[in-house]
Amino acid sequence: MSPDRLIHMANQIGKFFQSQGRDKAVPCIAEHIRKFWDPRMRSAILTHLDQGGGAGLDPDVRDAIATLKQA
């Protein structure tokens, strides 16, 4: 799956949780991606964060993906 498609999907997840406020949204986004994304998709988005700095990701989504890296 292309990075552009993953970015789009991740940002849509972020938009869903946005109304809950940043403190709740970031862990919810991370949990959703951890639970429902295929390991290859998670690996690809983490690579995008490492190599591209997370270009195109909304700030809350970028932070959520960074927390996945630490887990």
N, C-alpha and C. Protein backbone atom coordinates (compact mmCIF):
# COMPACT_ATOMS: atom_id res chain seq x y z
N MET A 1 0.85 -1.18 0.00
CA MET A 1 0.00 0.00 0.00
C MET A 1 0.90 1.24 0.00
N SER A 2 0.54 2.22 -0.78
CA SER A 2 1.38 3.41 -0.92
C SER A 2 1.33 4.27 0.34
N PRO A 3 2.43 4.98 0.61
CA PRO A 3 2.44 5.88 1.77
C PRO A 3 1.32 6.93 1.70
N ASP A 4 1.01 7.41 0.50
CA ASP A 4 -0.04 8.42 0.37
C ASP A 4 -1.39 7.87 0.84
N ARG A 5 -1.67 6.62 0.51
CA ARG A 5 -2.93 6.00 0.92
C ARG A 5 -2.95 5.80 2.44
N LEU A 6 -1.83 5.38 3.01
CA LEU A 6 -1.75 5.19 4.46
C LEU A 6 -1.90 6.52 5.19
N ILE A 7 -1.29 7.56 4.66
CA ILE A 7 -1.41 8.89 5.26
C ILE A 7 -2.87 9.32 5.25
N HIS A 8 -3.53 9.14 4.13
CA HIS A 8 -4.94 9.51 4.02
C HIS A 8 -5.78 8.74 5.05
N MET A 9 -5.57 7.43 5.12
CA MET A 9 -6.34 6.61 6.06
C MET A 9 -6.07 7.03 7.51
N ALA A 10 -4.80 7.25 7.85
CA ALA A 10 -4.46 7.64 9.21
C ALA A 10 -5.08 8.99 9.56
N ASN A 11 -5.04 9.92 8.63
CA ASN A 11 -5.63 11.25 8.89
C ASN A 11 -7.15 11.16 9.06
N GLN A 12 -7.79 10.24 8.35
CA GLN A 12 -9.23 10.06 8.53
C GLN A 12 -9.54 9.51 9.92
N ILE A 13 -8.72 8.60 10.40
CA ILE A 13 -8.89 8.10 11.76
C ILE A 13 -8.72 9.26 12.74
N GLY A 14 -7.73 10.09 12.50
CA GLY A 14 -7.49 11.26 13.35
C GLY A 14 -8.68 12.20 13.36
N LYS A 15 -9.27 12.42 12.23
CA LYS A 15 -10.44 13.31 12.16
C LYS A 15 -11.61 12.75 12.97
N PHE A 16 -11.76 11.44 12.97
CA PHE A 16 -12.83 10.81 13.74
C PHE A 16 -12.67 11.09 15.24
N PHE A 17 -11.44 11.00 15.72
CA PHE A 17 -11.19 11.18 17.16
C PHE A 17 -10.93 12.63 17.56
N GLN A 18 -10.82 13.52 16.61
CA GLN A 18 -10.46 14.92 16.87
C GLN A 18 -11.39 15.60 17.87
N SER A 19 -12.67 15.29 17.81
CA SER A 19 -13.64 15.97 18.68
C SER A 19 -13.44 15.63 20.15
N GLN A 20 -12.67 14.60 20.45
CA GLN A 20 -12.45 14.19 21.83
C GLN A 20 -11.34 14.98 22.51
N GLY A 21 -10.68 15.85 21.77
CA GLY A 21 -9.58 16.62 22.32
C GLY A 21 -8.28 15.84 22.21
N ARG A 22 -7.19 16.58 22.10
CA ARG A 22 -5.87 16.01 21.84
C ARG A 22 -5.46 14.94 22.86
N ASP A 23 -5.69 15.20 24.15
CA ASP A 23 -5.25 14.26 25.19
C ASP A 23 -5.88 12.88 25.06
N LYS A 24 -7.09 12.84 24.60
CA LYS A 24 -7.76 11.55 24.42
C LYS A 24 -7.58 11.03 22.99
N ALA A 25 -7.53 11.93 22.02
CA ALA A 25 -7.45 11.53 20.61
C ALA A 25 -6.17 10.78 20.28
N VAL A 26 -5.04 11.28 20.75
CA VAL A 26 -3.75 10.67 20.38
C VAL A 26 -3.69 9.20 20.79
N PRO A 27 -4.00 8.85 22.05
CA PRO A 27 -3.96 7.42 22.39
C PRO A 27 -5.03 6.60 21.66
N CYS A 28 -6.18 7.19 21.38
CA CYS A 28 -7.23 6.47 20.65
C CYS A 28 -6.81 6.19 19.21
N ILE A 29 -6.17 7.14 18.58
CA ILE A 29 -5.67 6.95 17.21
C ILE A 29 -4.63 5.83 17.21
N ALA A 30 -3.70 5.89 18.14
CA ALA A 30 -2.66 4.87 18.22
C ALA A 30 -3.27 3.48 18.44
N GLU A 31 -4.22 3.41 19.34
CA GLU A 31 -4.86 2.13 19.65
C GLU A 31 -5.60 1.58 18.43
N HIS A 32 -6.29 2.45 17.71
CA HIS A 32 -7.02 2.01 16.51
C HIS A 32 -6.04 1.43 15.48
N ILE A 33 -4.97 2.15 15.23
CA ILE A 33 -3.99 1.69 14.25
C ILE A 33 -3.34 0.38 14.73
N ARG A 34 -3.02 0.29 15.99
CA ARG A 34 -2.41 -0.92 16.54
C ARG A 34 -3.34 -2.13 16.39
N LYS A 35 -4.63 -1.92 16.67
CA LYS A 35 -5.59 -3.02 16.64
C LYS A 35 -6.00 -3.45 15.24
N PHE A 36 -6.21 -2.48 14.36
CA PHE A 36 -6.89 -2.78 13.10
C PHE A 36 -6.02 -2.74 11.85
N TRP A 37 -4.84 -2.19 11.93
CA TRP A 37 -3.98 -2.16 10.76
C TRP A 37 -3.12 -3.42 10.71
N ASP A 38 -2.95 -3.93 9.53
CA ASP A 38 -2.06 -5.05 9.27
C ASP A 38 -0.63 -4.65 9.70
N PRO A 39 0.16 -5.58 10.21
CA PRO A 39 1.54 -5.24 10.61
C PRO A 39 2.36 -4.58 9.49
N ARG A 40 2.11 -4.98 8.25
CA ARG A 40 2.84 -4.35 7.13
C ARG A 40 2.45 -2.89 6.97
N MET A 41 1.18 -2.59 7.20
CA MET A 41 0.73 -1.19 7.11
C MET A 41 1.35 -0.37 8.23
N ARG A 42 1.36 -0.92 9.45
CA ARG A 42 1.98 -0.21 10.58
C ARG A 42 3.46 0.02 10.32
N SER A 43 4.12 -0.99 9.80
CA SER A 43 5.54 -0.86 9.50
C SER A 43 5.79 0.23 8.46
N ALA A 44 4.95 0.27 7.44
CA ALA A 44 5.11 1.27 6.37
C ALA A 44 4.89 2.69 6.89
N ILE A 45 3.91 2.88 7.77
CA ILE A 45 3.65 4.23 8.28
C ILE A 45 4.76 4.65 9.25
N LEU A 46 5.30 3.68 10.00
CA LEU A 46 6.44 3.99 10.88
C LEU A 46 7.67 4.35 10.07
N THR A 47 7.88 3.66 8.96
CA THR A 47 8.99 3.99 8.07
C THR A 47 8.81 5.40 7.50
N HIS A 48 7.58 5.73 7.13
CA HIS A 48 7.30 7.08 6.62
C HIS A 48 7.62 8.12 7.69
N LEU A 49 7.28 7.84 8.93
CA LEU A 49 7.58 8.77 10.02
C LEU A 49 9.09 8.92 10.19
N ASP A 50 9.81 7.80 10.15
CA ASP A 50 11.27 7.83 10.34
C ASP A 50 11.99 8.51 9.18
N GLN A 51 11.60 8.17 7.96
CA GLN A 51 12.34 8.65 6.79
C GLN A 51 11.83 9.98 6.26
N GLY A 52 10.53 10.22 6.39
CA GLY A 52 9.96 11.43 5.82
C GLY A 52 9.51 12.42 6.87
N GLY A 53 9.74 12.09 8.14
CA GLY A 53 9.33 13.00 9.21
C GLY A 53 7.83 13.06 9.40
N GLY A 54 7.11 12.15 8.77
CA GLY A 54 5.66 12.16 8.90
C GLY A 54 4.98 13.21 8.04
N ALA A 55 5.62 13.59 6.95
CA ALA A 55 5.05 14.60 6.06
C ALA A 55 3.64 14.18 5.63
N GLY A 56 2.71 15.12 5.72
CA GLY A 56 1.34 14.88 5.31
C GLY A 56 0.43 14.41 6.42
N LEU A 57 1.02 13.98 7.53
CA LEU A 57 0.20 13.52 8.66
C LEU A 57 -0.22 14.71 9.51
N ASP A 58 -1.46 14.68 9.96
CA ASP A 58 -1.93 15.71 10.89
C ASP A 58 -1.12 15.57 12.19
N PRO A 59 -0.92 16.66 12.94
CA PRO A 59 -0.07 16.61 14.13
C PRO A 59 -0.47 15.53 15.15
N ASP A 60 -1.76 15.40 15.45
CA ASP A 60 -2.18 14.39 16.41
C ASP A 60 -1.90 12.98 15.89
N VAL A 61 -2.08 12.78 14.61
CA VAL A 61 -1.82 11.48 14.00
C VAL A 61 -0.33 11.17 14.04
N ARG A 62 0.48 12.15 13.73
CA ARG A 62 1.94 11.97 13.78
C ARG A 62 2.37 11.58 15.20
N ASP A 63 1.81 12.26 16.20
CA ASP A 63 2.16 11.94 17.58
C ASP A 63 1.68 10.55 17.97
N ALA A 64 0.50 10.16 17.49
CA ALA A 64 -0.02 8.82 17.79
C ALA A 64 0.88 7.75 17.17
N ILE A 65 1.30 7.96 15.97
CA ILE A 65 2.17 6.98 15.31
C ILE A 65 3.52 6.92 16.01
N ALA A 66 4.00 8.04 16.49
CA ALA A 66 5.27 8.05 17.24
C ALA A 66 5.13 7.22 18.52
N THR A 67 3.96 7.23 19.15
CA THR A 67 3.77 6.42 20.35
C THR A 67 3.79 4.93 20.01
N LEU A 68 3.34 4.57 18.82
CA LEU A 68 3.41 3.16 18.40
C LEU A 68 4.85 2.69 18.28
N LYS A 69 5.69 3.60 17.88
CA LYS A 69 7.11 3.29 17.72
C LYS A 69 7.74 2.93 19.07
N GLN A 70 7.26 3.56 20.11
CA GLN A 70 7.82 3.35 21.45
C GLN A 70 7.28 2.07 22.09
N ALA A 71 6.17 1.58 21.59
CA ALA A 71 5.53 0.40 22.21
C ALA A 71 6.21 -0.89 21.83
